[in-house]
Amino acid sequence: MTETASPVPAGSFQRALDRLSDVAIAIAATALIGLVVVQGWQVFTRYVLNDSPSWTEPVTLLLLSTAMSLGAAAGVHTNRHFSFHLLAENLPPAARLVLSIVRPLLIAAVGAMIAGWGGVLLMDGLDIKLAGASMPQSINYLPLSVSGALICVFGLNKAWQAVRPAREEGV
């Protein structure tokens, strides 16, 4: 069972995160459409015009990285990511509460690591031009860094949501 609705009434911060997740999904969907267009152009120019452009492969990789990374971040926000709910459902209530707090904190930590190391890799190759396209060599790490930061924020929000009802109940 995956829960997609927030257990806490939606405040302005929650609505802002919902909008941020929607924007991430819209960008990911646009990247997928762009991926289809670029690959379609690649096939057309290769097999019909017999003149394949060099920019299509790096652009395709950037669009693919964008779609996957931002889609994963939105999946964390909507609880549509890979998880093991069976274990949590069979634990005693106190252990279930601890797990409901620790799990999003681990997700946030992984997101912070992805954002941090992705940022390091992005900055490391900004001054090197990519072969075939006039983009920095490390541009594919930009969506990874952004999505890592989003995963961290969404994970911390999930942890806060898990702590908040426990504080209100006095547990």
C-alpha atoms as a PDB file:
ATOM      1  CA  MET A   1       0.000   0.000   0.000  1.00  0.00           C
ATOM      2  CA  THR A   2       1.399   3.383  -0.960  1.00  0.00           C
ATOM      3  CA  GLU A   3       0.007   6.550   0.425  1.00  0.00           C
ATOM      4  CA  THR A   4      -0.155   9.471  -1.946  1.00  0.00           C
ATOM      5  CA  ALA A   5      -2.011  11.933   0.230  1.00  0.00           C
ATOM      6  CA  SER A   6      -0.404  13.877   3.030  1.00  0.00           C
ATOM      7  CA  PRO A   7      -1.614  12.849   6.511  1.00  0.00           C
ATOM      8  CA  VAL A   8      -1.286  16.464   7.632  1.00  0.00           C
ATOM      9  CA  PRO A   9      -3.642  19.197   6.389  1.00  0.00           C
ATOM     10  CA  ALA A  10      -2.021  20.985   3.470  1.00  0.00           C
ATOM     11  CA  GLY A  11      -0.516  24.274   4.574  1.00  0.00           C
ATOM     12  CA  SER A  12       1.143  26.839   2.375  1.00  0.00           C
ATOM     13  CA  PHE A  13       4.516  25.041   2.598  1.00  0.00           C
ATOM     14  CA  GLN A  14       2.930  21.728   1.598  1.00  0.00           C
ATOM     15  CA  ARG A  15       1.139  23.390  -1.310  1.00  0.00           C
ATOM     16  CA  ALA A  16       4.443  24.945  -2.420  1.00  0.00           C
ATOM     17  CA  LEU A  17       6.095  21.521  -2.347  1.00  0.00           C
ATOM     18  CA  ASP A  18       3.158  20.085  -4.288  1.00  0.00           C
ATOM     19  CA  ARG A  19       3.619  22.775  -6.937  1.00  0.00           C
ATOM     20  CA  LEU A  20       7.377  22.157  -6.992  1.00  0.00           C
ATOM     21  CA  SER A  21       6.731  18.455  -7.542  1.00  0.00           C
ATOM     22  CA  ASP A  22       4.264  19.284 -10.324  1.00  0.00           C
ATOM     23  CA  VAL A  23       6.875  21.507 -11.988  1.00  0.00           C
ATOM     24  CA  ALA A  24       9.436  18.689 -11.741  1.00  0.00           C
ATOM     25  CA  ILE A  25       6.971  16.297 -13.380  1.00  0.00           C
ATOM     26  CA  ALA A  26       6.187  18.843 -16.119  1.00  0.00           C
ATOM     27  CA  ILE A  27       9.887  19.347 -16.857  1.00  0.00           C
ATOM     28  CA  ALA A  28      10.456  15.571 -16.872  1.00  0.00           C
ATOM     29  CA  ALA A  29       7.539  15.065 -19.264  1.00  0.00           C
ATOM     30  CA  THR A  30       8.813  17.853 -21.508  1.00  0.00           C
ATOM     31  CA  ALA A  31      12.260  16.250 -21.484  1.00  0.00           C
ATOM     32  CA  LEU A  32      10.711  12.937 -22.571  1.00  0.00           C
ATOM     33  CA  ILE A  33       8.913  14.654 -25.435  1.00  0.00           C
ATOM     34  CA  GLY A  34      12.159  16.389 -26.381  1.00  0.00           C
ATOM     35  CA  LEU A  35      13.917  13.030 -26.243  1.00  0.00           C
ATOM     36  CA  VAL A  36      11.454  11.594 -28.757  1.00  0.00           C
ATOM     37  CA  VAL A  37      11.859  14.610 -31.048  1.00  0.00           C
ATOM     38  CA  VAL A  38      15.672  14.566 -30.916  1.00  0.00           C
ATOM     39  CA  GLN A  39      15.856  10.818 -31.483  1.00  0.00           C
ATOM     40  CA  GLY A  40      13.342  11.091 -34.306  1.00  0.00           C
ATOM     41  CA  TRP A  41      15.503  13.759 -35.903  1.00  0.00           C
ATOM     42  CA  GLN A  42      18.577  11.548 -35.408  1.00  0.00           C
ATOM     43  CA  VAL A  43      16.917   8.622 -37.199  1.00  0.00           C
ATOM     44  CA  PHE A  44      15.625  10.849 -40.015  1.00  0.00           C
ATOM     45  CA  THR A  45      18.986  12.509 -40.645  1.00  0.00           C
ATOM     46  CA  ARG A  46      20.907   9.258 -40.442  1.00  0.00           C
ATOM     47  CA  TYR A  47      18.730   7.102 -42.684  1.00  0.00           C
ATOM     48  CA  VAL A  48      16.996   9.614 -44.955  1.00  0.00           C
ATOM     49  CA  LEU A  49      19.513  12.445 -45.324  1.00  0.00           C
ATOM     50  CA  ASN A  50      22.566  10.242 -44.685  1.00  0.00           C
ATOM     51  CA  ASP A  51      24.046  13.087 -42.625  1.00  0.00           C
ATOM     52  CA  SER A  52      23.831  12.417 -38.896  1.00  0.00           C
ATOM     53  CA  PRO A  53      24.299  15.483 -36.653  1.00  0.00           C
ATOM     54  CA  SER A  54      26.761  15.164 -33.792  1.00  0.00           C
ATOM     55  CA  TRP A  55      24.700  17.097 -31.244  1.00  0.00           C
ATOM     56  CA  THR A  56      21.844  14.585 -30.922  1.00  0.00           C
ATOM     57  CA  GLU A  57      23.594  12.081 -28.655  1.00  0.00           C
ATOM     58  CA  PRO A  58      24.717  14.560 -25.954  1.00  0.00           C
ATOM     59  CA  VAL A  59      21.337  16.304 -26.018  1.00  0.00           C
ATOM     60  CA  THR A  60      19.572  12.945 -25.721  1.00  0.00           C
ATOM     61  CA  LEU A  61      21.679  12.047 -22.682  1.00  0.00           C
ATOM     62  CA  LEU A  62      20.871  15.382 -21.046  1.00  0.00           C
ATOM     63  CA  LEU A  63      17.143  14.972 -21.703  1.00  0.00           C
ATOM     64  CA  LEU A  64      17.207  11.404 -20.403  1.00  0.00           C
ATOM     65  CA  SER A  65      19.064  12.449 -17.263  1.00  0.00           C
ATOM     66  CA  THR A  66      16.572  15.270 -16.713  1.00  0.00           C
ATOM     67  CA  ALA A  67      13.518  13.044 -17.136  1.00  0.00           C
ATOM     68  CA  MET A  68      14.818  10.303 -14.854  1.00  0.00           C
ATOM     69  CA  SER A  69      16.187  12.561 -12.132  1.00  0.00           C
ATOM     70  CA  LEU A  70      13.231  14.905 -11.809  1.00  0.00           C
ATOM     71  CA  GLY A  71      10.768  12.026 -12.124  1.00  0.00           C
ATOM     72  CA  ALA A  72      12.541  10.267  -9.253  1.00  0.00           C
ATOM     73  CA  ALA A  73      12.371  13.386  -7.092  1.00  0.00           C
ATOM     74  CA  ALA A  74       8.650  13.773  -7.732  1.00  0.00           C
ATOM     75  CA  GLY A  75       8.243  10.076  -6.903  1.00  0.00           C
ATOM     76  CA  VAL A  76       9.729  10.708  -3.462  1.00  0.00           C
ATOM     77  CA  HIS A  77       7.243  13.512  -2.873  1.00  0.00           C
ATOM     78  CA  THR A  78       4.236  11.405  -3.874  1.00  0.00           C
ATOM     79  CA  ASN A  79       5.463   8.181  -2.183  1.00  0.00           C
ATOM     80  CA  ARG A  80       5.628   6.403  -5.521  1.00  0.00           C
ATOM     81  CA  HIS A  81       9.198   5.282  -5.072  1.00  0.00           C
ATOM     82  CA  PHE A  82      10.584   1.825  -4.391  1.00  0.00           C
ATOM     83  CA  SER A  83       9.997   0.874  -0.757  1.00  0.00           C
ATOM     84  CA  PHE A  84       9.248  -2.034   1.540  1.00  0.00           C
ATOM     85  CA  HIS A  85       5.914  -1.297   3.200  1.00  0.00           C
ATOM     86  CA  LEU A  86       5.306  -4.897   4.256  1.00  0.00           C
ATOM     87  CA  LEU A  87       7.919  -4.687   7.015  1.00  0.00           C
ATOM     88  CA  ALA A  88       6.527  -1.430   8.404  1.00  0.00           C
ATOM     89  CA  GLU A  89       2.950  -2.716   8.408  1.00  0.00           C
ATOM     90  CA  ASN A  90       3.904  -5.710  10.575  1.00  0.00           C
ATOM     91  CA  LEU A  91       5.837  -3.817  13.251  1.00  0.00           C
ATOM     92  CA  PRO A  92       4.436  -2.651  16.597  1.00  0.00           C
ATOM     93  CA  PRO A  93       3.137   0.952  16.580  1.00  0.00           C
ATOM     94  CA  ALA A  94       6.186   2.444  18.324  1.00  0.00           C
ATOM     95  CA  ALA A  95       8.609   0.755  15.915  1.00  0.00           C
ATOM     96  CA  ARG A  96       6.392   1.760  12.986  1.00  0.00           C
ATOM     97  CA  LEU A  97       6.598   5.393  14.140  1.00  0.00           C
ATOM     98  CA  VAL A  98      10.383   5.237  14.403  1.00  0.00           C
ATOM     99  CA  LEU A  99      10.615   3.677  10.952  1.00  0.00           C
ATOM    100  CA  SER A 100       8.249   6.296   9.506  1.00  0.00           C
ATOM    101  CA  ILE A 101      10.688   8.971  10.712  1.00  0.00           C
ATOM    102  CA  VAL A 102      13.985   7.224   9.937  1.00  0.00           C
ATOM    103  CA  ARG A 103      13.021   6.120   6.419  1.00  0.00           C
ATOM    104  CA  PRO A 104      12.474   9.658   5.010  1.00  0.00           C
ATOM    105  CA  LEU A 105      15.564  10.879   6.843  1.00  0.00           C
ATOM    106  CA  LEU A 106      17.611   8.228   5.024  1.00  0.00           C
ATOM    107  CA  ILE A 107      16.003   9.280   1.749  1.00  0.00           C
ATOM    108  CA  ALA A 108      16.878  12.910   2.534  1.00  0.00           C
ATOM    109  CA  ALA A 109      20.477  11.923   3.313  1.00  0.00           C
ATOM    110  CA  VAL A 110      20.792  10.079   0.004  1.00  0.00           C
ATOM    111  CA  GLY A 111      19.292  13.103  -1.793  1.00  0.00           C
ATOM    112  CA  ALA A 112      21.801  15.399  -0.086  1.00  0.00           C
ATOM    113  CA  MET A 113      24.674  13.143  -1.163  1.00  0.00           C
ATOM    114  CA  ILE A 114      23.385  13.056  -4.738  1.00  0.00           C
ATOM    115  CA  ALA A 115      23.037  16.846  -4.774  1.00  0.00           C
ATOM    116  CA  GLY A 116      26.451  17.407  -3.225  1.00  0.00           C
ATOM    117  CA  TRP A 117      28.461  15.020  -5.347  1.00  0.00           C
ATOM    118  CA  GLY A 118      26.467  15.894  -8.451  1.00  0.00           C
ATOM    119  CA  GLY A 119      27.331  19.540  -7.812  1.00  0.00           C
ATOM    120  CA  VAL A 120      31.009  18.684  -7.424  1.00  0.00           C
ATOM    121  CA  LEU A 121      30.968  16.765 -10.705  1.00  0.00           C
ATOM    122  CA  LEU A 122      29.032  19.565 -12.411  1.00  0.00           C
ATOM    123  CA  MET A 123      31.504  22.236 -11.336  1.00  0.00           C
ATOM    124  CA  ASP A 124      34.480  20.046 -12.225  1.00  0.00           C
ATOM    125  CA  GLY A 125      33.669  19.930 -15.936  1.00  0.00           C
ATOM    126  CA  LEU A 126      32.044  23.292 -16.631  1.00  0.00           C
ATOM    127  CA  ASP A 127      35.092  24.647 -18.460  1.00  0.00           C
ATOM    128  CA  ILE A 128      35.433  21.606 -20.754  1.00  0.00           C
ATOM    129  CA  LYS A 129      33.318  21.700 -23.915  1.00  0.00           C
ATOM    130  CA  LEU A 130      31.379  18.605 -24.910  1.00  0.00           C
ATOM    131  CA  ALA A 131      32.283  16.967 -28.206  1.00  0.00           C
ATOM    132  CA  GLY A 132      29.504  17.446 -30.737  1.00  0.00           C
ATOM    133  CA  ALA A 133      27.534  20.110 -28.850  1.00  0.00           C
ATOM    134  CA  SER A 134      28.357  23.529 -27.457  1.00  0.00           C
ATOM    135  CA  MET A 135      27.582  22.553 -23.873  1.00  0.00           C
ATOM    136  CA  PRO A 136      29.820  21.937 -20.875  1.00  0.00           C
ATOM    137  CA  GLN A 137      30.965  18.339 -20.523  1.00  0.00           C
ATOM    138  CA  SER A 138      29.443  18.063 -17.064  1.00  0.00           C
ATOM    139  CA  ILE A 139      25.980  19.417 -17.957  1.00  0.00           C
ATOM    140  CA  ASN A 140      24.397  15.992 -17.359  1.00  0.00           C
ATOM    141  CA  TYR A 141      25.098  16.419 -13.641  1.00  0.00           C
ATOM    142  CA  LEU A 142      22.890  19.521 -13.411  1.00  0.00           C
ATOM    143  CA  PRO A 143      19.576  17.607 -13.315  1.00  0.00           C
ATOM    144  CA  LEU A 144      21.157  15.117 -10.918  1.00  0.00           C
ATOM    145  CA  SER A 145      22.147  17.919  -8.532  1.00  0.00           C
ATOM    146  CA  VAL A 146      18.754  19.606  -8.728  1.00  0.00           C
ATOM    147  CA  SER A 147      16.858  16.363  -8.209  1.00  0.00           C
ATOM    148  CA  GLY A 148      19.113  15.398  -5.305  1.00  0.00           C
ATOM    149  CA  ALA A 149      18.263  18.687  -3.607  1.00  0.00           C
ATOM    150  CA  LEU A 150      14.557  18.095  -4.279  1.00  0.00           C
ATOM    151  CA  ILE A 151      14.782  14.547  -2.903  1.00  0.00           C
ATOM    152  CA  CYS A 152      16.417  15.942   0.235  1.00  0.00           C
ATOM    153  CA  VAL A 153      13.722  18.586   0.719  1.00  0.00           C
ATOM    154  CA  PHE A 154      10.896  16.135   0.007  1.00  0.00           C
ATOM    155  CA  GLY A 155      12.433  13.550   2.367  1.00  0.00           C
ATOM    156  CA  LEU A 156      12.809  16.084   5.179  1.00  0.00           C
ATOM    157  CA  ASN A 157       9.201  17.120   4.660  1.00  0.00           C
ATOM    158  CA  LYS A 158       8.070  13.482   4.928  1.00  0.00           C
ATOM    159  CA  ALA A 159      10.062  13.108   8.159  1.00  0.00           C
ATOM    160  CA  TRP A 160       8.478  16.273   9.525  1.00  0.00           C
ATOM    161  CA  GLN A 161       5.021  14.978   8.613  1.00  0.00           C
ATOM    162  CA  ALA A 162       5.786  11.744  10.468  1.00  0.00           C
ATOM    163  CA  VAL A 163       6.999  13.608  13.580  1.00  0.00           C
ATOM    164  CA  ARG A 164       4.202  16.164  13.612  1.00  0.00           C
ATOM    165  CA  PRO A 165       1.263  13.800  14.243  1.00  0.00           C
ATOM    166  CA  ALA A 166       3.308  12.013  16.919  1.00  0.00           C
ATOM    167  CA  ARG A 167       3.930  15.321  18.695  1.00  0.00           C
ATOM    168  CA  GLU A 168       0.243  16.246  18.479  1.00  0.00           C
ATOM    169  CA  GLU A 169      -0.774  12.873  19.980  1.00  0.00           C
ATOM    170  CA  GLY A 170       1.846  13.197  22.715  1.00  0.00           C
ATOM    171  CA  VAL A 171       3.751  10.053  21.725  1.00  0.00           C
END
